[in-house]
Amino acid sequence: MSFGGRALTKADEARRTKIHAGNCMACVQRGIDLTRSGYVQWHHLAGKTKPGCHQKTVGLCQWHHLGFPMGSDTYAESRRHYGPSLAKGSRPFHQEFGSDDELLALQNRILGD
């Protein structure tokens, strides 16, 4: 399978499956558990074409990844409850939740990698 970039290996598929079933790396820092909610998406930190790119991925919910309000929340309610969205501004997102390297380290700890 491909996502407009590098084909997925079995290890990539396994990581993607775990991330989708797991928690958002921003939400977990706010004490919000979205495990198995269906809201968590696979976010690539280093593009989709370089070798190993699919292993440099973290789980982000639809709010933190794309800026789509959660459930029936308005944009303002999602911003207040979940904090800044990466899609709406990387600087405030990274100030609150950490750098890409810190998010990747957190994701890898959670996955046991």
PDB file of N, CA and C in Angstrom:
ATOM      1  N   MET A   1       0.846  -1.181   0.000  1.00  0.00           N
ATOM      2  CA  MET A   1       0.000   0.000   0.000  1.00  0.00           C
ATOM      3  C   MET A   1       0.883   1.234   0.000  1.00  0.00           C
ATOM      4  N   SER A   2       0.397   2.302  -0.622  1.00  0.00           N
ATOM      5  CA  SER A   2       1.152   3.550  -0.688  1.00  0.00           C
ATOM      6  C   SER A   2       0.223   4.716  -0.371  1.00  0.00           C
ATOM      7  N   PHE A   3       0.787   5.758   0.187  1.00  0.00           N
ATOM      8  CA  PHE A   3       0.031   6.970   0.509  1.00  0.00           C
ATOM      9  C   PHE A   3       0.570   8.133  -0.307  1.00  0.00           C
ATOM     10  N   GLY A   4       0.756   7.927  -1.599  1.00  0.00           N
ATOM     11  CA  GLY A   4       1.323   8.968  -2.439  1.00  0.00           C
ATOM     12  C   GLY A   4       2.799   9.157  -2.163  1.00  0.00           C
ATOM     13  N   GLY A   5       3.416   8.171  -1.594  1.00  0.00           N
ATOM     14  CA  GLY A   5       4.834   8.239  -1.273  1.00  0.00           C
ATOM     15  C   GLY A   5       5.418   6.844  -1.269  1.00  0.00           C
ATOM     16  N   ARG A   6       6.258   6.589  -0.325  1.00  0.00           N
ATOM     17  CA  ARG A   6       6.953   5.319  -0.195  1.00  0.00           C
ATOM     18  C   ARG A   6       5.963   4.207   0.196  1.00  0.00           C
ATOM     19  N   ALA A   7       6.121   3.030  -0.429  1.00  0.00           N
ATOM     20  CA  ALA A   7       5.270   1.882  -0.100  1.00  0.00           C
ATOM     21  C   ALA A   7       5.480   1.474   1.360  1.00  0.00           C
ATOM     22  N   LEU A   8       4.433   0.944   1.962  1.00  0.00           N
ATOM     23  CA  LEU A   8       4.498   0.519   3.361  1.00  0.00           C
ATOM     24  C   LEU A   8       5.055  -0.893   3.476  1.00  0.00           C
ATOM     25  N   THR A   9       5.942  -1.086   4.431  1.00  0.00           N
ATOM     26  CA  THR A   9       6.422  -2.422   4.769  1.00  0.00           C
ATOM     27  C   THR A   9       5.464  -3.027   5.797  1.00  0.00           C
ATOM     28  N   LYS A  10       5.670  -4.283   6.134  1.00  0.00           N
ATOM     29  CA  LYS A  10       4.848  -4.904   7.185  1.00  0.00           C
ATOM     30  C   LYS A  10       5.027  -4.180   8.517  1.00  0.00           C
ATOM     31  N   ALA A  11       6.253  -3.753   8.805  1.00  0.00           N
ATOM     32  CA  ALA A  11       6.511  -3.004  10.044  1.00  0.00           C
ATOM     33  C   ALA A  11       5.788  -1.656  10.032  1.00  0.00           C
ATOM     34  N   ASP A  12       5.750  -1.003   8.868  1.00  0.00           N
ATOM     35  CA  ASP A  12       5.032   0.269   8.737  1.00  0.00           C
ATOM     36  C   ASP A  12       3.539   0.074   8.973  1.00  0.00           C
ATOM     37  N   GLU A  13       2.989  -0.976   8.374  1.00  0.00           N
ATOM     38  CA  GLU A  13       1.556  -1.286   8.545  1.00  0.00           C
ATOM     39  C   GLU A  13       1.243  -1.559  10.011  1.00  0.00           C
ATOM     40  N   ALA A  14       2.120  -2.312  10.679  1.00  0.00           N
ATOM     41  CA  ALA A  14       1.905  -2.618  12.098  1.00  0.00           C
ATOM     42  C   ALA A  14       1.921  -1.340  12.934  1.00  0.00           C
ATOM     43  N   ARG A  15       2.864  -0.446  12.654  1.00  0.00           N
ATOM     44  CA  ARG A  15       2.935   0.822  13.387  1.00  0.00           C
ATOM     45  C   ARG A  15       1.682   1.657  13.139  1.00  0.00           C
ATOM     46  N   ARG A  16       1.264   1.736  11.877  1.00  0.00           N
ATOM     47  CA  ARG A  16       0.070   2.503  11.534  1.00  0.00           C
ATOM     48  C   ARG A  16      -1.160   1.970  12.268  1.00  0.00           C
ATOM     49  N   THR A  17      -1.311   0.665  12.306  1.00  0.00           N
ATOM     50  CA  THR A  17      -2.447   0.045  12.992  1.00  0.00           C
ATOM     51  C   THR A  17      -2.440   0.385  14.479  1.00  0.00           C
ATOM     52  N   LYS A  18      -1.257   0.296  15.115  1.00  0.00           N
ATOM     53  CA  LYS A  18      -1.146   0.624  16.547  1.00  0.00           C
ATOM     54  C   LYS A  18      -1.457   2.093  16.797  1.00  0.00           C
ATOM     55  N   ILE A  19      -0.960   2.965  15.930  1.00  0.00           N
ATOM     56  CA  ILE A  19      -1.204   4.398  16.105  1.00  0.00           C
ATOM     57  C   ILE A  19      -2.688   4.713  15.980  1.00  0.00           C
ATOM     58  N   HIS A  20      -3.348   4.157  14.979  1.00  0.00           N
ATOM     59  CA  HIS A  20      -4.781   4.405  14.795  1.00  0.00           C
ATOM     60  C   HIS A  20      -5.604   3.926  15.997  1.00  0.00           C
ATOM     61  N   ALA A  21      -5.189   2.848  16.633  1.00  0.00           N
ATOM     62  CA  ALA A  21      -5.914   2.317  17.785  1.00  0.00           C
ATOM     63  C   ALA A  21      -5.532   3.019  19.083  1.00  0.00           C
ATOM     64  N   GLY A  22      -4.451   3.806  19.048  1.00  0.00           N
ATOM     65  CA  GLY A  22      -3.926   4.416  20.256  1.00  0.00           C
ATOM     66  C   GLY A  22      -4.431   5.823  20.519  1.00  0.00           C
ATOM     67  N   ASN A  23      -3.605   6.587  21.197  1.00  0.00           N
ATOM     68  CA  ASN A  23      -3.979   7.928  21.641  1.00  0.00           C
ATOM     69  C   ASN A  23      -3.258   8.990  20.812  1.00  0.00           C
ATOM     70  N   CYS A  24      -3.806  10.173  20.827  1.00  0.00           N
ATOM     71  CA  CYS A  24      -3.200  11.351  20.226  1.00  0.00           C
ATOM     72  C   CYS A  24      -2.068  11.823  21.141  1.00  0.00           C
ATOM     73  N   MET A  25      -0.896  12.101  20.565  1.00  0.00           N
ATOM     74  CA  MET A  25       0.263  12.488  21.365  1.00  0.00           C
ATOM     75  C   MET A  25       0.110  13.863  22.007  1.00  0.00           C
ATOM     76  N   ALA A  26      -0.744  14.701  21.480  1.00  0.00           N
ATOM     77  CA  ALA A  26      -1.033  15.983  22.121  1.00  0.00           C
ATOM     78  C   ALA A  26      -2.076  15.793  23.224  1.00  0.00           C
ATOM     79  N   CYS A  27      -3.128  15.045  22.923  1.00  0.00           N
ATOM     80  CA  CYS A  27      -4.189  14.819  23.915  1.00  0.00           C
ATOM     81  C   CYS A  27      -3.670  14.106  25.159  1.00  0.00           C
ATOM     82  N   VAL A  28      -2.785  13.139  24.978  1.00  0.00           N
ATOM     83  CA  VAL A  28      -2.268  12.401  26.123  1.00  0.00           C
ATOM     84  C   VAL A  28      -1.573  13.355  27.099  1.00  0.00           C
ATOM     85  N   GLN A  29      -0.972  14.421  26.587  1.00  0.00           N
ATOM     86  CA  GLN A  29      -0.309  15.396  27.446  1.00  0.00           C
ATOM     87  C   GLN A  29      -1.302  16.263  28.208  1.00  0.00           C
ATOM     88  N   ARG A  30      -2.532  16.305  27.740  1.00  0.00           N
ATOM     89  CA  ARG A  30      -3.590  17.048  28.440  1.00  0.00           C
ATOM     90  C   ARG A  30      -4.471  16.127  29.272  1.00  0.00           C
ATOM     91  N   GLY A  31      -4.110  14.851  29.350  1.00  0.00           N
ATOM     92  CA  GLY A  31      -4.882  13.893  30.140  1.00  0.00           C
ATOM     93  C   GLY A  31      -6.152  13.433  29.455  1.00  0.00           C
ATOM     94  N   ILE A  32      -6.218  13.575  28.145  1.00  0.00           N
ATOM     95  CA  ILE A  32      -7.394  13.172  27.371  1.00  0.00           C
ATOM     96  C   ILE A  32      -7.098  11.838  26.705  1.00  0.00           C
ATOM     97  N   ASP A  33      -7.977  10.862  26.908  1.00  0.00           N
ATOM     98  CA  ASP A  33      -7.769   9.535  26.343  1.00  0.00           C
ATOM     99  C   ASP A  33      -8.685   9.318  25.148  1.00  0.00           C
ATOM    100  N   LEU A  34      -8.099   9.251  23.962  1.00  0.00           N
ATOM    101  CA  LEU A  34      -8.861   8.993  22.740  1.00  0.00           C
ATOM    102  C   LEU A  34      -8.594   7.596  22.188  1.00  0.00           C
ATOM    103  N   THR A  35      -8.008   6.733  23.015  1.00  0.00           N
ATOM    104  CA  THR A  35      -7.703   5.372  22.589  1.00  0.00           C
ATOM    105  C   THR A  35      -8.959   4.702  22.038  1.00  0.00           C
ATOM    106  N   ARG A  36      -8.812   4.101  20.857  1.00  0.00           N
ATOM    107  CA  ARG A  36      -9.883   3.376  20.159  1.00  0.00           C
ATOM    108  C   ARG A  36     -11.113   4.236  19.850  1.00  0.00           C
ATOM    109  N   SER A  37     -10.926   5.543  19.770  1.00  0.00           N
ATOM    110  CA  SER A  37     -12.038   6.461  19.506  1.00  0.00           C
ATOM    111  C   SER A  37     -12.354   6.606  18.026  1.00  0.00           C
ATOM    112  N   GLY A  38     -11.395   6.269  17.174  1.00  0.00           N
ATOM    113  CA  GLY A  38     -11.557   6.504  15.745  1.00  0.00           C
ATOM    114  C   GLY A  38     -11.137   7.903  15.322  1.00  0.00           C
ATOM    115  N   TYR A  39     -10.715   8.741  16.265  1.00  0.00           N
ATOM    116  CA  TYR A  39     -10.298  10.108  15.957  1.00  0.00           C
ATOM    117  C   TYR A  39      -8.804  10.226  15.663  1.00  0.00           C
ATOM    118  N   VAL A  40      -8.019   9.205  16.014  1.00  0.00           N
ATOM    119  CA  VAL A  40      -6.565   9.321  15.913  1.00  0.00           C
ATOM    120  C   VAL A  40      -6.095   8.956  14.503  1.00  0.00           C
ATOM    121  N   GLN A  41      -5.282   9.843  13.945  1.00  0.00           N
ATOM    122  CA  GLN A  41      -4.766   9.698  12.592  1.00  0.00           C
ATOM    123  C   GLN A  41      -3.244   9.559  12.631  1.00  0.00           C
ATOM    124  N   TRP A  42      -2.699   9.112  11.546  1.00  0.00           N
ATOM    125  CA  TRP A  42      -1.275   8.849  11.381  1.00  0.00           C
ATOM    126  C   TRP A  42      -0.616  10.088  10.797  1.00  0.00           C
ATOM    127  N   HIS A  43       0.240  10.766  11.549  1.00  0.00           N
ATOM    128  CA  HIS A  43       0.885  11.987  11.084  1.00  0.00           C
ATOM    129  C   HIS A  43       2.366  11.728  10.807  1.00  0.00           C
ATOM    130  N   HIS A  44       2.799  12.020   9.588  1.00  0.00           N
ATOM    131  CA  HIS A  44       4.197  11.880   9.189  1.00  0.00           C
ATOM    132  C   HIS A  44       4.980  13.125   9.598  1.00  0.00           C
ATOM    133  N   LEU A  45       6.066  12.916  10.306  1.00  0.00           N
ATOM    134  CA  LEU A  45       6.899  14.030  10.750  1.00  0.00           C
ATOM    135  C   LEU A  45       7.967  14.399   9.731  1.00  0.00           C
ATOM    136  N   ALA A  46       8.307  13.472   8.838  1.00  0.00           N
ATOM    137  CA  ALA A  46       9.418  13.703   7.909  1.00  0.00           C
ATOM    138  C   ALA A  46       9.027  13.378   6.470  1.00  0.00           C
ATOM    139  N   GLY A  47       7.839  13.734   6.066  1.00  0.00           N
ATOM    140  CA  GLY A  47       7.411  13.462   4.699  1.00  0.00           C
ATOM    141  C   GLY A  47       7.032  12.013   4.490  1.00  0.00           C
ATOM    142  N   LYS A  48       6.755  11.680   3.231  1.00  0.00           N
ATOM    143  CA  LYS A  48       6.270  10.335   2.913  1.00  0.00           C
ATOM    144  C   LYS A  48       7.101   9.624   1.862  1.00  0.00           C
ATOM    145  N   THR A  49       8.292  10.136   1.555  1.00  0.00           N
ATOM    146  CA  THR A  49       9.057   9.542   0.462  1.00  0.00           C
ATOM    147  C   THR A  49      10.453   9.056   0.849  1.00  0.00           C
ATOM    148  N   LYS A  50      11.015   9.531   1.930  1.00  0.00           N
ATOM    149  CA  LYS A  50      12.373   9.142   2.313  1.00  0.00           C
ATOM    150  C   LYS A  50      12.365   7.772   2.990  1.00  0.00           C
ATOM    151  N   PRO A  51      13.477   7.048   2.890  1.00  0.00           N
ATOM    152  CA  PRO A  51      13.571   5.764   3.594  1.00  0.00           C
ATOM    153  C   PRO A  51      13.290   5.940   5.088  1.00  0.00           C
ATOM    154  N   GLY A  52      12.489   5.053   5.649  1.00  0.00           N
ATOM    155  CA  GLY A  52      12.162   5.098   7.073  1.00  0.00           C
ATOM    156  C   GLY A  52      11.114   6.125   7.466  1.00  0.00           C
ATOM    157  N   CYS A  53      10.546   6.816   6.492  1.00  0.00           N
ATOM    158  CA  CYS A  53       9.610   7.912   6.802  1.00  0.00           C
ATOM    159  C   CYS A  53       8.366   7.438   7.558  1.00  0.00           C
ATOM    160  N   HIS A  54       7.910   6.222   7.295  1.00  0.00           N
ATOM    161  CA  HIS A  54       6.688   5.752   7.955  1.00  0.00           C
ATOM    162  C   HIS A  54       6.923   5.348   9.411  1.00  0.00           C
ATOM    163  N   GLN A  55       8.184   5.242   9.803  1.00  0.00           N
ATOM    164  CA  GLN A  55       8.501   4.975  11.199  1.00  0.00           C
ATOM    165  C   GLN A  55       8.672   6.282  11.987  1.00  0.00           C
ATOM    166  N   LYS A  56       8.715   7.397  11.274  1.00  0.00           N
ATOM    167  CA  LYS A  56       8.793   8.720  11.916  1.00  0.00           C
ATOM    168  C   LYS A  56       7.396   9.327  11.900  1.00  0.00           C
ATOM    169  N   THR A  57       6.485   8.634  12.578  1.00  0.00           N
ATOM    170  CA  THR A  57       5.076   9.016  12.586  1.00  0.00           C
ATOM    171  C   THR A  57       4.551   9.009  14.010  1.00  0.00           C
ATOM    172  N   VAL A  58       3.529   9.838  14.231  1.00  0.00           N
ATOM    173  CA  VAL A  58       2.876   9.909  15.540  1.00  0.00           C
ATOM    174  C   VAL A  58       1.366   9.951  15.331  1.00  0.00           C
ATOM    175  N   GLY A  59       0.651   9.595  16.361  1.00  0.00           N
ATOM    176  CA  GLY A  59      -0.800   9.699  16.336  1.00  0.00           C
ATOM    177  C   GLY A  59      -1.234  11.095  16.755  1.00  0.00           C
ATOM    178  N   LEU A  60      -2.083  11.697  15.932  1.00  0.00           N
ATOM    179  CA  LEU A  60      -2.715  12.973  16.268  1.00  0.00           C
ATOM    180  C   LEU A  60      -4.199  12.849  15.959  1.00  0.00           C
ATOM    181  N   CYS A  61      -5.029  13.407  16.818  1.00  0.00           N
ATOM    182  CA  CYS A  61      -6.473  13.374  16.581  1.00  0.00           C
ATOM    183  C   CYS A  61      -6.830  14.338  15.449  1.00  0.00           C
ATOM    184  N   GLN A  62      -8.075  14.265  15.027  1.00  0.00           N
ATOM    185  CA  GLN A  62      -8.505  15.119  13.905  1.00  0.00           C
ATOM    186  C   GLN A  62      -8.360  16.597  14.226  1.00  0.00           C
ATOM    187  N   TRP A  63      -8.462  16.980  15.486  1.00  0.00           N
ATOM    188  CA  TRP A  63      -8.272  18.383  15.859  1.00  0.00           C
ATOM    189  C   TRP A  63      -6.796  18.773  15.742  1.00  0.00           C
ATOM    190  N   HIS A  64      -5.933  18.021  16.422  1.00  0.00           N
ATOM    191  CA  HIS A  64      -4.513  18.378  16.431  1.00  0.00           C
ATOM    192  C   HIS A  64      -3.864  18.195  15.065  1.00  0.00           C
ATOM    193  N   HIS A  65      -4.336  17.261  14.262  1.00  0.00           N
ATOM    194  CA  HIS A  65      -3.741  16.996  12.954  1.00  0.00           C
ATOM    195  C   HIS A  65      -4.252  17.947  11.877  1.00  0.00           C
ATOM    196  N   LEU A  66      -5.561  18.073  11.754  1.00  0.00           N
ATOM    197  CA  LEU A  66      -6.158  18.814  10.638  1.00  0.00           C
ATOM    198  C   LEU A  66      -6.931  20.072  11.035  1.00  0.00           C
ATOM    199  N   GLY A  67      -7.140  20.274  12.329  1.00  0.00           N
ATOM    200  CA  GLY A  67      -7.891  21.445  12.777  1.00  0.00           C
ATOM    201  C   GLY A  67      -9.393  21.292  12.647  1.00  0.00           C
ATOM    202  N   PHE A  68      -9.884  20.036  12.557  1.00  0.00           N
ATOM    203  CA  PHE A  68     -11.324  19.790  12.488  1.00  0.00           C
ATOM    204  C   PHE A  68     -11.863  19.677  13.905  1.00  0.00           C
ATOM    205  N   PRO A  69     -12.871  20.485  14.278  1.00  0.00           N
ATOM    206  CA  PRO A  69     -13.423  20.407  15.633  1.00  0.00           C
ATOM    207  C   PRO A  69     -13.859  18.985  15.984  1.00  0.00           C
ATOM    208  N   MET A  70     -13.730  18.667  17.248  1.00  0.00           N
ATOM    209  CA  MET A  70     -14.055  17.328  17.738  1.00  0.00           C
ATOM    210  C   MET A  70     -15.544  17.213  18.049  1.00  0.00           C
ATOM    211  N   GLY A  71     -16.140  16.105  17.629  1.00  0.00           N
ATOM    212  CA  GLY A  71     -17.544  15.834  17.919  1.00  0.00           C
ATOM    213  C   GLY A  71     -18.428  16.990  17.497  1.00  0.00           C
ATOM    214  N   SER A  72     -19.257  17.450  18.406  1.00  0.00           N
ATOM    215  CA  SER A  72     -20.164  18.566  18.121  1.00  0.00           C
ATOM    216  C   SER A  72     -19.605  19.904  18.599  1.00  0.00           C
ATOM    217  N   ASP A  73     -18.338  19.920  19.017  1.00  0.00           N
ATOM    218  CA  ASP A  73     -17.701  21.162  19.474  1.00  0.00           C
ATOM    219  C   ASP A  73     -17.586  22.179  18.336  1.00  0.00           C
ATOM    220  N   THR A  74     -17.601  23.438  18.698  1.00  0.00           N
ATOM    221  CA  THR A  74     -17.263  24.490  17.754  1.00  0.00           C
ATOM    222  C   THR A  74     -15.736  24.572  17.676  1.00  0.00           C
ATOM    223  N   TYR A  75     -15.233  25.357  16.749  1.00  0.00           N
ATOM    224  CA  TYR A  75     -13.794  25.578  16.637  1.00  0.00           C
ATOM    225  C   TYR A  75     -13.257  26.118  17.966  1.00  0.00           C
ATOM    226  N   ALA A  76     -13.923  27.121  18.522  1.00  0.00           N
ATOM    227  CA  ALA A  76     -13.453  27.749  19.764  1.00  0.00           C
ATOM    228  C   ALA A  76     -13.465  26.758  20.930  1.00  0.00           C
ATOM    229  N   GLU A  77     -14.485  25.923  21.009  1.00  0.00           N
ATOM    230  CA  GLU A  77     -14.555  24.927  22.085  1.00  0.00           C
ATOM    231  C   GLU A  77     -13.428  23.901  21.955  1.00  0.00           C
ATOM    232  N   SER A  78     -13.162  23.450  20.734  1.00  0.00           N
ATOM    233  CA  SER A  78     -12.061  22.502  20.530  1.00  0.00           C
ATOM    234  C   SER A  78     -10.733  23.142  20.896  1.00  0.00           C
ATOM    235  N   ARG A  79     -10.524  24.380  20.498  1.00  0.00           N
ATOM    236  CA  ARG A  79      -9.278  25.094  20.810  1.00  0.00           C
ATOM    237  C   ARG A  79      -9.090  25.225  22.317  1.00  0.00           C
ATOM    238  N   ARG A  80     -10.166  25.572  23.017  1.00  0.00           N
ATOM    239  CA  ARG A  80     -10.117  25.740  24.473  1.00  0.00           C
ATOM    240  C   ARG A  80      -9.828  24.403  25.178  1.00  0.00           C
ATOM    241  N   HIS A  81     -10.519  23.352  24.753  1.00  0.00           N
ATOM    242  CA  HIS A  81     -10.415  22.061  25.433  1.00  0.00           C
ATOM    243  C   HIS A  81      -9.143  21.293  25.053  1.00  0.00           C
ATOM    244  N   TYR A  82      -8.798  21.276  23.780  1.00  0.00           N
ATOM    245  CA  TYR A  82      -7.700  20.445  23.291  1.00  0.00           C
ATOM    246  C   TYR A  82      -6.389  21.205  23.083  1.00  0.00           C
ATOM    247  N   GLY A  83      -6.435  22.521  23.086  1.00  0.00           N
ATOM    248  CA  GLY A  83      -5.230  23.301  22.863  1.00  0.00           C
ATOM    249  C   GLY A  83      -5.025  23.583  21.389  1.00  0.00           C
ATOM    250  N   PRO A  84      -3.856  24.081  21.019  1.00  0.00           N
ATOM    251  CA  PRO A  84      -3.611  24.483  19.635  1.00  0.00           C
ATOM    252  C   PRO A  84      -3.552  23.290  18.673  1.00  0.00           C
ATOM    253  N   SER A  85      -4.006  23.533  17.459  1.00  0.00           N
ATOM    254  CA  SER A  85      -3.960  22.542  16.385  1.00  0.00           C
ATOM    255  C   SER A  85      -2.714  22.772  15.538  1.00  0.00           C
ATOM    256  N   LEU A  86      -2.020  21.708  15.187  1.00  0.00           N
ATOM    257  CA  LEU A  86      -0.852  21.809  14.311  1.00  0.00           C
ATOM    258  C   LEU A  86      -1.241  22.427  12.975  1.00  0.00           C
ATOM    259  N   ALA A  87      -2.410  22.082  12.461  1.00  0.00           N
ATOM    260  CA  ALA A  87      -2.862  22.594  11.164  1.00  0.00           C
ATOM    261  C   ALA A  87      -3.126  24.097  11.197  1.00  0.00           C
ATOM    262  N   LYS A  88      -3.391  24.627  12.353  1.00  0.00           N
ATOM    263  CA  LYS A  88      -3.711  26.052  12.482  1.00  0.00           C
ATOM    264  C   LYS A  88      -2.513  26.890  12.922  1.00  0.00           C
ATOM    265  N   GLY A  89      -1.380  26.244  13.140  1.00  0.00           N
ATOM    266  CA  GLY A  89      -0.174  26.977  13.511  1.00  0.00           C
ATOM    267  C   GLY A  89       0.822  26.087  14.217  1.00  0.00           C
ATOM    268  N   SER A  90       1.948  25.824  13.562  1.00  0.00           N
ATOM    269  CA  SER A  90       2.915  24.897  14.157  1.00  0.00           C
ATOM    270  C   SER A  90       3.616  25.486  15.390  1.00  0.00           C
ATOM    271  N   ARG A  91       3.848  26.779  15.409  1.00  0.00           N
ATOM    272  CA  ARG A  91       4.563  27.373  16.547  1.00  0.00           C
ATOM    273  C   ARG A  91       3.800  27.190  17.867  1.00  0.00           C
ATOM    274  N   PRO A  92       2.516  27.587  17.959  1.00  0.00           N
ATOM    275  CA  PRO A  92       1.824  27.371  19.235  1.00  0.00           C
ATOM    276  C   PRO A  92       1.666  25.885  19.574  1.00  0.00           C
ATOM    277  N   PHE A  93       1.460  25.064  18.540  1.00  0.00           N
ATOM    278  CA  PHE A  93       1.333  23.621  18.778  1.00  0.00           C
ATOM    279  C   PHE A  93       2.621  23.079  19.401  1.00  0.00           C
ATOM    280  N   HIS A  94       3.749  23.376  18.807  1.00  0.00           N
ATOM    281  CA  HIS A  94       5.019  22.854  19.306  1.00  0.00           C
ATOM    282  C   HIS A  94       5.415  23.483  20.639  1.00  0.00           C
ATOM    283  N   GLN A  95       5.024  24.729  20.883  1.00  0.00           N
ATOM    284  CA  GLN A  95       5.310  25.343  22.185  1.00  0.00           C
ATOM    285  C   GLN A  95       4.603  24.582  23.304  1.00  0.00           C
ATOM    286  N   GLU A  96       3.376  24.150  23.044  1.00  0.00           N
ATOM    287  CA  GLU A  96       2.631  23.435  24.091  1.00  0.00           C
ATOM    288  C   GLU A  96       2.981  21.952  24.167  1.00  0.00           C
ATOM    289  N   PHE A  97       3.149  21.303  23.023  1.00  0.00           N
ATOM    290  CA  PHE A  97       3.246  19.842  23.013  1.00  0.00           C
ATOM    291  C   PHE A  97       4.639  19.288  22.729  1.00  0.00           C
ATOM    292  N   GLY A  98       5.585  20.139  22.371  1.00  0.00           N
ATOM    293  CA  GLY A  98       6.955  19.690  22.140  1.00  0.00           C
ATOM    294  C   GLY A  98       7.319  19.621  20.671  1.00  0.00           C
ATOM    295  N   SER A  99       8.600  19.443  20.440  1.00  0.00           N
ATOM    296  CA  SER A  99       9.132  19.360  19.077  1.00  0.00           C
ATOM    297  C   SER A  99       8.728  18.040  18.426  1.00  0.00           C
ATOM    298  N   ASP A 100       8.967  17.935  17.133  1.00  0.00           N
ATOM    299  CA  ASP A 100       8.715  16.671  16.434  1.00  0.00           C
ATOM    300  C   ASP A 100       9.501  15.537  17.087  1.00  0.00           C
ATOM    301  N   ASP A 101      10.750  15.794  17.436  1.00  0.00           N
ATOM    302  CA  ASP A 101      11.575  14.755  18.074  1.00  0.00           C
ATOM    303  C   ASP A 101      10.986  14.327  19.417  1.00  0.00           C
ATOM    304  N   GLU A 102      10.478  15.279  20.183  1.00  0.00           N
ATOM    305  CA  GLU A 102       9.873  14.945  21.477  1.00  0.00           C
ATOM    306  C   GLU A 102       8.571  14.170  21.288  1.00  0.00           C
ATOM    307  N   LEU A 103       7.766  14.561  20.310  1.00  0.00           N
ATOM    308  CA  LEU A 103       6.525  13.833  20.028  1.00  0.00           C
ATOM    309  C   LEU A 103       6.825  12.409  19.570  1.00  0.00           C
ATOM    310  N   LEU A 104       7.842  12.250  18.718  1.00  0.00           N
ATOM    311  CA  LEU A 104       8.229  10.923  18.245  1.00  0.00           C
ATOM    312  C   LEU A 104       8.731  10.060  19.404  1.00  0.00           C
ATOM    313  N   ALA A 105       9.524  10.641  20.283  1.00  0.00           N
ATOM    314  CA  ALA A 105      10.024   9.892  21.444  1.00  0.00           C
ATOM    315  C   ALA A 105       8.867   9.447  22.336  1.00  0.00           C
ATOM    316  N   LEU A 106       7.891  10.315  22.552  1.00  0.00           N
ATOM    317  CA  LEU A 106       6.719   9.959  23.345  1.00  0.00           C
ATOM    318  C   LEU A 106       5.945   8.831  22.667  1.00  0.00           C
ATOM    319  N   GLN A 107       5.716   8.958  21.367  1.00  0.00           N
ATOM    320  CA  GLN A 107       4.990   7.912  20.639  1.00  0.00           C
ATOM    321  C   GLN A 107       5.727   6.578  20.727  1.00  0.00           C
ATOM    322  N   ASN A 108       7.035   6.609  20.538  1.00  0.00           N
ATOM    323  CA  ASN A 108       7.806   5.370  20.590  1.00  0.00           C
ATOM    324  C   ASN A 108       7.779   4.736  21.983  1.00  0.00           C
ATOM    325  N   ARG A 109       7.823   5.560  23.041  1.00  0.00           N
ATOM    326  CA  ARG A 109       7.704   5.031  24.405  1.00  0.00           C
ATOM    327  C   ARG A 109       6.362   4.355  24.605  1.00  0.00           C
ATOM    328  N   ILE A 110       5.306   5.005  24.137  1.00  0.00           N
ATOM    329  CA  ILE A 110       3.956   4.454  24.292  1.00  0.00           C
ATOM    330  C   ILE A 110       3.808   3.133  23.523  1.00  0.00           C
ATOM    331  N   LEU A 111       4.400   3.085  22.321  1.00  0.00           N
ATOM    332  CA  LEU A 111       4.320   1.863  21.512  1.00  0.00           C
ATOM    333  C   LEU A 111       5.296   0.789  21.986  1.00  0.00           C
ATOM    334  N   GLY A 112       6.225   1.166  22.855  1.00  0.00           N
ATOM    335  CA  GLY A 112       7.227   0.215  23.315  1.00  0.00           C
ATOM    336  C   GLY A 112       8.341  -0.008  22.318  1.00  0.00           C
ATOM    337  N   ASP A 113       8.535   0.948  21.402  1.00  0.00           N
ATOM    338  CA  ASP A 113       9.594   0.847  20.384  1.00  0.00           C
ATOM    339  C   ASP A 113      10.898   1.442  20.898  1.00  0.00           C
TER     340      ASP A 113
END
